[in-house]
């Protein structure tokens, strides 16, 4: 049975796309280029981010997540797999005009679970609405 077709979700575009696709291929790739990858948002490039991430995880092999409310040391002993911008987010650093938001002293190694929890608590658009 053929799939239902809808108009591309980009205003003014008459292209028909399969239902559930959203945008036509041209507008989808245009949006992807405009958004850029995580490493290149706010300047920088992917190779620099890979080096910064590797250096952070080499320095912090175990999760450095702390109980910030009580000032205690590490509370998680899992392997660090994520280079986390801390205490400010990369978006905050870029907004302030920091020239190297991915500098090693602005990163900490954390496990994916702690990173997800921290992000959900502090990032607008998730659980935290500023």
N, C-alpha and C. Protein backbone atom coordinates (compact mmCIF):
# COMPACT_ATOMS: atom_id res chain seq x y z
N UNK A 1 0.84 -1.16 0.00
CA UNK A 1 0.00 0.00 0.00
C UNK A 1 0.90 1.25 0.00
N UNK A 2 0.66 2.19 -0.90
CA UNK A 2 1.49 3.39 -0.96
C UNK A 2 1.30 4.27 0.26
N UNK A 3 2.40 4.92 0.65
CA UNK A 3 2.37 5.84 1.78
C UNK A 3 1.69 7.14 1.39
N UNK A 4 1.01 7.74 2.35
CA UNK A 4 0.38 9.04 2.11
C UNK A 4 1.47 10.09 1.91
N UNK A 5 1.19 11.05 1.07
CA UNK A 5 2.14 12.13 0.81
C UNK A 5 1.63 13.41 1.44
N UNK A 6 2.59 14.25 1.90
CA UNK A 6 2.26 15.55 2.47
C UNK A 6 3.17 16.58 1.83
N UNK A 7 2.83 17.84 2.00
CA UNK A 7 3.66 18.93 1.49
C UNK A 7 4.82 19.15 2.45
N UNK A 8 5.99 19.47 1.91
CA UNK A 8 7.18 19.79 2.71
C UNK A 8 6.81 20.81 3.80
N UNK A 9 7.36 20.63 5.00
CA UNK A 9 7.01 21.51 6.12
C UNK A 9 7.68 22.88 6.05
N UNK A 10 8.59 23.09 5.11
CA UNK A 10 9.20 24.41 4.94
C UNK A 10 8.17 25.33 4.29
N UNK A 11 7.82 26.45 4.95
CA UNK A 11 6.81 27.34 4.39
C UNK A 11 7.12 27.75 2.95
N UNK A 12 6.14 27.61 2.10
CA UNK A 12 6.27 28.01 0.70
C UNK A 12 6.78 26.93 -0.23
N UNK A 13 7.24 25.80 0.29
CA UNK A 13 7.76 24.73 -0.56
C UNK A 13 6.61 23.81 -0.98
N UNK A 14 6.42 23.61 -2.30
CA UNK A 14 5.31 22.78 -2.77
C UNK A 14 5.65 21.30 -2.91
N UNK A 15 6.89 20.88 -2.59
CA UNK A 15 7.30 19.48 -2.78
C UNK A 15 6.47 18.53 -1.93
N UNK A 16 6.13 17.40 -2.51
CA UNK A 16 5.44 16.35 -1.77
C UNK A 16 6.47 15.39 -1.20
N UNK A 17 6.29 15.02 0.07
CA UNK A 17 7.19 14.09 0.74
C UNK A 17 6.35 13.04 1.45
N UNK A 18 6.92 11.85 1.70
CA UNK A 18 6.15 10.84 2.44
C UNK A 18 5.74 11.37 3.81
N UNK A 19 4.55 11.02 4.26
CA UNK A 19 4.06 11.47 5.56
C UNK A 19 5.06 11.04 6.64
N UNK A 20 5.33 11.93 7.57
CA UNK A 20 6.26 11.64 8.64
C UNK A 20 7.68 12.06 8.34
N UNK A 21 7.95 12.46 7.09
CA UNK A 21 9.30 12.87 6.71
C UNK A 21 9.56 14.31 7.10
N UNK A 22 8.57 15.15 7.03
CA UNK A 22 8.74 16.56 7.38
C UNK A 22 9.12 17.41 6.19
N UNK A 23 10.42 17.54 5.95
CA UNK A 23 10.90 18.39 4.86
C UNK A 23 11.35 17.56 3.67
N UNK A 24 11.40 18.21 2.52
CA UNK A 24 11.93 17.56 1.33
C UNK A 24 13.44 17.43 1.50
N UNK A 25 14.08 16.64 0.67
CA UNK A 25 15.52 16.39 0.78
C UNK A 25 16.33 17.68 0.73
N UNK A 26 15.96 18.60 -0.14
CA UNK A 26 16.70 19.86 -0.26
C UNK A 26 16.64 20.70 1.00
N UNK A 27 15.47 20.83 1.57
CA UNK A 27 15.32 21.63 2.79
C UNK A 27 15.88 20.91 4.02
N UNK A 28 15.85 19.58 4.01
CA UNK A 28 16.44 18.82 5.11
C UNK A 28 17.96 19.02 5.14
N UNK A 29 18.61 18.93 3.97
CA UNK A 29 20.07 19.12 3.93
C UNK A 29 20.43 20.57 4.22
N UNK A 30 19.61 21.52 3.80
CA UNK A 30 19.84 22.94 4.09
C UNK A 30 19.80 23.18 5.61
N UNK A 31 18.84 22.57 6.29
CA UNK A 31 18.72 22.72 7.74
C UNK A 31 19.90 22.07 8.45
N UNK A 32 20.34 20.92 7.95
CA UNK A 32 21.49 20.24 8.55
C UNK A 32 22.77 21.08 8.41
N UNK A 33 22.96 21.68 7.26
CA UNK A 33 24.15 22.54 7.05
C UNK A 33 24.09 23.76 7.96
N UNK A 34 22.92 24.36 8.09
CA UNK A 34 22.77 25.56 8.92
C UNK A 34 23.01 25.23 10.39
N UNK A 35 22.55 24.07 10.82
CA UNK A 35 22.70 23.68 12.22
C UNK A 35 24.15 23.32 12.52
N UNK A 36 24.82 22.64 11.60
CA UNK A 36 26.20 22.24 11.83
C UNK A 36 26.27 21.13 12.87
N UNK A 37 27.43 20.52 12.97
CA UNK A 37 27.64 19.48 13.97
C UNK A 37 27.92 20.12 15.32
N UNK A 38 27.87 19.32 16.37
CA UNK A 38 28.10 19.86 17.71
C UNK A 38 29.46 20.52 17.81
N UNK A 39 30.47 19.90 17.22
CA UNK A 39 31.83 20.41 17.36
C UNK A 39 32.01 21.77 16.70
N UNK A 40 31.23 22.06 15.68
CA UNK A 40 31.44 23.31 14.95
C UNK A 40 30.48 24.42 15.34
N UNK A 41 29.52 24.16 16.22
CA UNK A 41 28.60 25.22 16.64
C UNK A 41 29.39 26.27 17.41
N UNK A 42 29.21 27.50 17.05
CA UNK A 42 29.90 28.57 17.74
C UNK A 42 31.35 28.69 17.34
N UNK A 43 31.72 28.17 16.19
CA UNK A 43 33.11 28.26 15.75
C UNK A 43 33.84 26.97 16.05
N UNK A 44 35.10 26.93 15.73
CA UNK A 44 35.89 25.73 15.96
C UNK A 44 35.70 24.73 14.84
N UNK A 45 36.32 23.57 15.00
CA UNK A 45 36.14 22.52 14.01
C UNK A 45 36.16 21.16 14.68
N UNK A 46 35.73 20.16 13.95
CA UNK A 46 35.58 18.83 14.51
C UNK A 46 36.91 18.24 14.98
N UNK A 47 38.00 18.47 14.25
CA UNK A 47 39.30 17.91 14.64
C UNK A 47 39.75 18.49 15.98
N UNK A 48 39.55 19.80 16.18
CA UNK A 48 39.92 20.42 17.45
C UNK A 48 39.09 19.83 18.59
N UNK A 49 37.79 19.63 18.35
CA UNK A 49 36.94 19.06 19.39
C UNK A 49 37.36 17.64 19.73
N UNK A 50 37.69 16.83 18.71
CA UNK A 50 38.13 15.45 18.99
C UNK A 50 39.38 15.44 19.85
N UNK A 51 40.33 16.34 19.57
CA UNK A 51 41.55 16.43 20.39
C UNK A 51 41.23 16.86 21.82
N UNK A 52 40.36 17.86 21.98
CA UNK A 52 40.00 18.35 23.31
C UNK A 52 39.28 17.25 24.09
N UNK A 53 38.39 16.54 23.43
CA UNK A 53 37.65 15.46 24.09
C UNK A 53 38.61 14.35 24.53
N UNK A 54 39.52 13.95 23.65
CA UNK A 54 40.49 12.90 23.98
C UNK A 54 41.37 13.31 25.16
N UNK A 55 41.82 14.57 25.16
CA UNK A 55 42.67 15.05 26.26
C UNK A 55 41.89 15.07 27.57
N UNK A 56 40.63 15.47 27.52
CA UNK A 56 39.79 15.51 28.72
C UNK A 56 39.59 14.10 29.28
N UNK A 57 39.27 13.14 28.43
CA UNK A 57 39.02 11.79 28.90
C UNK A 57 40.30 11.09 29.35
N UNK A 58 41.45 11.49 28.78
CA UNK A 58 42.73 10.95 29.26
C UNK A 58 43.04 11.49 30.66
N UNK A 59 42.74 12.76 30.89
CA UNK A 59 42.97 13.38 32.18
C UNK A 59 41.98 12.86 33.23
N UNK A 60 40.73 12.64 32.82
CA UNK A 60 39.66 12.22 33.72
C UNK A 60 39.09 10.86 33.29
N UNK A 61 39.78 9.76 33.61
CA UNK A 61 39.28 8.45 33.17
C UNK A 61 38.01 8.02 33.91
N UNK A 62 37.78 8.58 35.12
CA UNK A 62 36.57 8.25 35.87
C UNK A 62 35.66 9.47 35.94
N UNK A 63 34.38 9.23 36.07
CA UNK A 63 33.37 10.29 36.12
C UNK A 63 33.69 11.28 37.24
N UNK A 64 33.66 12.56 36.92
CA UNK A 64 33.93 13.60 37.90
C UNK A 64 32.66 14.32 38.35
N UNK A 65 31.53 13.67 38.19
CA UNK A 65 30.27 14.25 38.63
C UNK A 65 30.29 14.37 40.14
N UNK A 66 29.87 15.53 40.64
CA UNK A 66 29.89 15.76 42.09
C UNK A 66 28.50 16.11 42.58
N UNK A 67 28.33 16.00 43.86
CA UNK A 67 27.10 16.44 44.50
C UNK A 67 27.26 17.93 44.75
N UNK A 68 26.90 18.75 43.77
CA UNK A 68 27.16 20.18 43.82
C UNK A 68 26.41 20.88 44.94
N UNK A 69 25.29 20.35 45.37
CA UNK A 69 24.51 21.00 46.42
C UNK A 69 25.24 20.98 47.76
N UNK A 70 26.06 19.95 47.99
CA UNK A 70 26.74 19.81 49.27
C UNK A 70 28.25 19.98 49.15
N UNK A 71 28.78 20.19 47.95
CA UNK A 71 30.20 20.42 47.76
C UNK A 71 31.06 19.20 47.97
N UNK A 72 30.47 18.03 47.95
CA UNK A 72 31.24 16.79 48.13
C UNK A 72 32.03 16.46 46.88
N UNK A 73 32.97 15.57 47.03
CA UNK A 73 33.78 15.10 45.91
C UNK A 73 32.97 14.21 44.99
N UNK A 74 33.66 13.45 44.17
CA UNK A 74 32.97 12.59 43.20
C UNK A 74 31.98 11.64 43.87
N UNK A 75 30.83 11.49 43.25
CA UNK A 75 29.81 10.59 43.77
C UNK A 75 29.57 9.43 42.81
N UNK A 76 30.20 9.44 41.67
CA UNK A 76 30.03 8.39 40.66
C UNK A 76 31.41 7.82 40.34
N UNK A 77 31.51 6.52 40.23
CA UNK A 77 32.81 5.90 39.93
C UNK A 77 32.83 5.21 38.58
N UNK A 78 31.88 5.53 37.71
CA UNK A 78 31.82 4.92 36.38
C UNK A 78 32.93 5.51 35.50
N UNK A 79 33.21 4.84 34.40
CA UNK A 79 34.20 5.34 33.45
C UNK A 79 33.65 6.58 32.75
N UNK A 80 34.49 7.58 32.59
CA UNK A 80 34.08 8.80 31.89
C UNK A 80 34.06 8.53 30.39
N UNK A 81 32.97 8.91 29.74
CA UNK A 81 32.85 8.73 28.29
C UNK A 81 32.45 10.01 27.58
N UNK A 82 32.16 11.07 28.35
CA UNK A 82 31.69 12.33 27.78
C UNK A 82 32.56 13.47 28.30
N UNK A 83 33.00 14.35 27.41
CA UNK A 83 33.70 15.57 27.81
C UNK A 83 32.64 16.64 27.97
N UNK A 84 32.40 17.05 29.20
CA UNK A 84 31.32 17.96 29.54
C UNK A 84 31.86 19.36 29.80
N UNK A 85 31.25 20.37 29.18
CA UNK A 85 31.60 21.76 29.48
C UNK A 85 31.04 22.07 30.86
N UNK A 86 31.92 22.50 31.78
CA UNK A 86 31.49 22.71 33.15
C UNK A 86 32.37 23.76 33.82
N UNK A 87 31.86 24.69 34.56
CA UNK A 87 30.49 24.82 35.05
C UNK A 87 29.56 25.51 34.07
N UNK A 88 30.09 26.16 33.03
CA UNK A 88 29.24 26.81 32.02
C UNK A 88 29.09 25.89 30.81
N UNK A 89 27.96 26.00 30.14
CA UNK A 89 27.76 25.22 28.92
C UNK A 89 28.52 25.86 27.76
N UNK A 90 28.70 25.10 26.70
CA UNK A 90 29.39 25.65 25.53
C UNK A 90 28.59 26.82 24.97
N UNK A 91 27.27 26.71 24.97
CA UNK A 91 26.43 27.79 24.45
C UNK A 91 26.64 29.08 25.25
N UNK A 92 26.74 28.95 26.58
CA UNK A 92 26.98 30.13 27.42
C UNK A 92 28.35 30.74 27.14
N UNK A 93 29.35 29.89 26.98
CA UNK A 93 30.71 30.38 26.70
C UNK A 93 30.76 31.12 25.37
N UNK A 94 30.13 30.54 24.34
CA UNK A 94 30.10 31.17 23.02
C UNK A 94 29.34 32.49 23.09
N UNK A 95 28.23 32.51 23.82
CA UNK A 95 27.44 33.74 23.96
C UNK A 95 28.24 34.85 24.64
N UNK A 96 29.13 34.47 25.56
CA UNK A 96 29.98 35.46 26.23
C UNK A 96 31.15 35.89 25.38
N UNK A 97 31.36 35.23 24.23
CA UNK A 97 32.45 35.59 23.34
C UNK A 97 33.78 34.96 23.70
N UNK A 98 33.77 33.87 24.46
CA UNK A 98 35.00 33.18 24.82
C UNK A 98 35.63 32.62 23.54
N UNK A 99 36.92 32.90 23.34
CA UNK A 99 37.57 32.51 22.08
C UNK A 99 37.83 31.01 21.98
N UNK A 100 38.04 30.32 23.09
CA UNK A 100 38.28 28.88 23.06
C UNK A 100 37.37 28.17 24.07
N UNK A 101 36.09 27.98 23.71
CA UNK A 101 35.17 27.35 24.66
C UNK A 101 35.51 25.89 24.96
N UNK A 102 36.32 25.26 24.10
CA UNK A 102 36.66 23.85 24.29
C UNK A 102 38.02 23.66 24.97
N UNK A 103 38.54 24.71 25.63
CA UNK A 103 39.82 24.59 26.33
C UNK A 103 39.69 23.54 27.43
N UNK A 104 40.77 22.81 27.67
CA UNK A 104 40.74 21.69 28.60
C UNK A 104 40.29 22.10 30.01
N UNK A 105 40.64 23.30 30.47
CA UNK A 105 40.24 23.71 31.82
C UNK A 105 38.74 23.99 31.93
N UNK A 106 38.02 24.01 30.80
CA UNK A 106 36.57 24.21 30.83
C UNK A 106 35.81 22.90 30.69
N UNK A 107 36.53 21.77 30.66
CA UNK A 107 35.91 20.47 30.46
C UNK A 107 36.14 19.56 31.66
N UNK A 108 35.22 18.63 31.84
CA UNK A 108 35.40 17.57 32.83
C UNK A 108 34.89 16.28 32.23
N UNK A 109 35.50 15.17 32.56
CA UNK A 109 35.06 13.87 32.07
C UNK A 109 33.96 13.33 32.97
N UNK A 110 32.85 12.94 32.37
CA UNK A 110 31.73 12.36 33.12
C UNK A 110 31.18 11.16 32.37
N UNK A 111 30.44 10.32 33.07
CA UNK A 111 29.80 9.18 32.40
C UNK A 111 28.54 9.69 31.68
N UNK A 112 28.04 8.92 30.74
CA UNK A 112 26.87 9.35 29.96
C UNK A 112 25.64 9.52 30.84
N UNK A 113 25.49 8.70 31.86
CA UNK A 113 24.32 8.79 32.73
C UNK A 113 24.32 10.11 33.50
N UNK A 114 25.45 10.46 34.12
CA UNK A 114 25.53 11.72 34.87
C UNK A 114 25.39 12.92 33.93
N UNK A 115 25.97 12.82 32.73
CA UNK A 115 25.86 13.93 31.77
C UNK A 115 24.40 14.15 31.39
N UNK A 116 23.67 13.07 31.13
CA UNK A 116 22.26 13.18 30.77
C UNK A 116 21.44 13.81 31.88
N UNK A 117 21.69 13.40 33.13
CA UNK A 117 20.96 13.96 34.27
C UNK A 117 21.27 15.44 34.43
N UNK A 118 22.55 15.79 34.36
CA UNK A 118 22.96 17.19 34.52
C UNK A 118 22.37 18.05 33.40
N UNK A 119 22.41 17.56 32.19
CA UNK A 119 21.87 18.30 31.06
C UNK A 119 20.37 18.51 31.20
N UNK A 120 19.66 17.47 31.62
CA UNK A 120 18.21 17.59 31.80
C UNK A 120 17.85 18.62 32.86
N UNK A 121 18.70 18.74 33.89
CA UNK A 121 18.42 19.68 34.97
C UNK A 121 18.77 21.12 34.61
N UNK A 122 19.73 21.31 33.72
CA UNK A 122 20.27 22.65 33.49
C UNK A 122 20.03 23.25 32.11
N UNK A 123 19.59 22.46 31.15
CA UNK A 123 19.45 22.96 29.79
C UNK A 123 18.02 23.37 29.47
N UNK A 124 17.81 24.61 29.02
CA UNK A 124 16.46 25.03 28.62
C UNK A 124 15.92 24.15 27.49
N UNK A 125 14.64 23.93 27.50
CA UNK A 125 14.02 23.10 26.48
C UNK A 125 13.85 21.68 26.93
N UNK A 126 14.56 21.28 27.97
CA UNK A 126 14.39 19.95 28.54
C UNK A 126 13.49 20.06 29.74
N UNK A 127 13.89 19.44 30.83
CA UNK A 127 13.09 19.51 32.05
C UNK A 127 13.20 20.87 32.70
N UNK A 128 14.31 21.55 32.44
CA UNK A 128 14.54 22.85 33.06
C UNK A 128 14.04 23.95 32.13
N UNK A 129 13.03 24.64 32.50
CA UNK A 129 12.53 25.75 31.69
C UNK A 129 12.94 27.04 32.39
N UNK A 130 13.83 27.80 31.73
CA UNK A 130 14.32 29.05 32.33
C UNK A 130 13.35 30.16 32.05
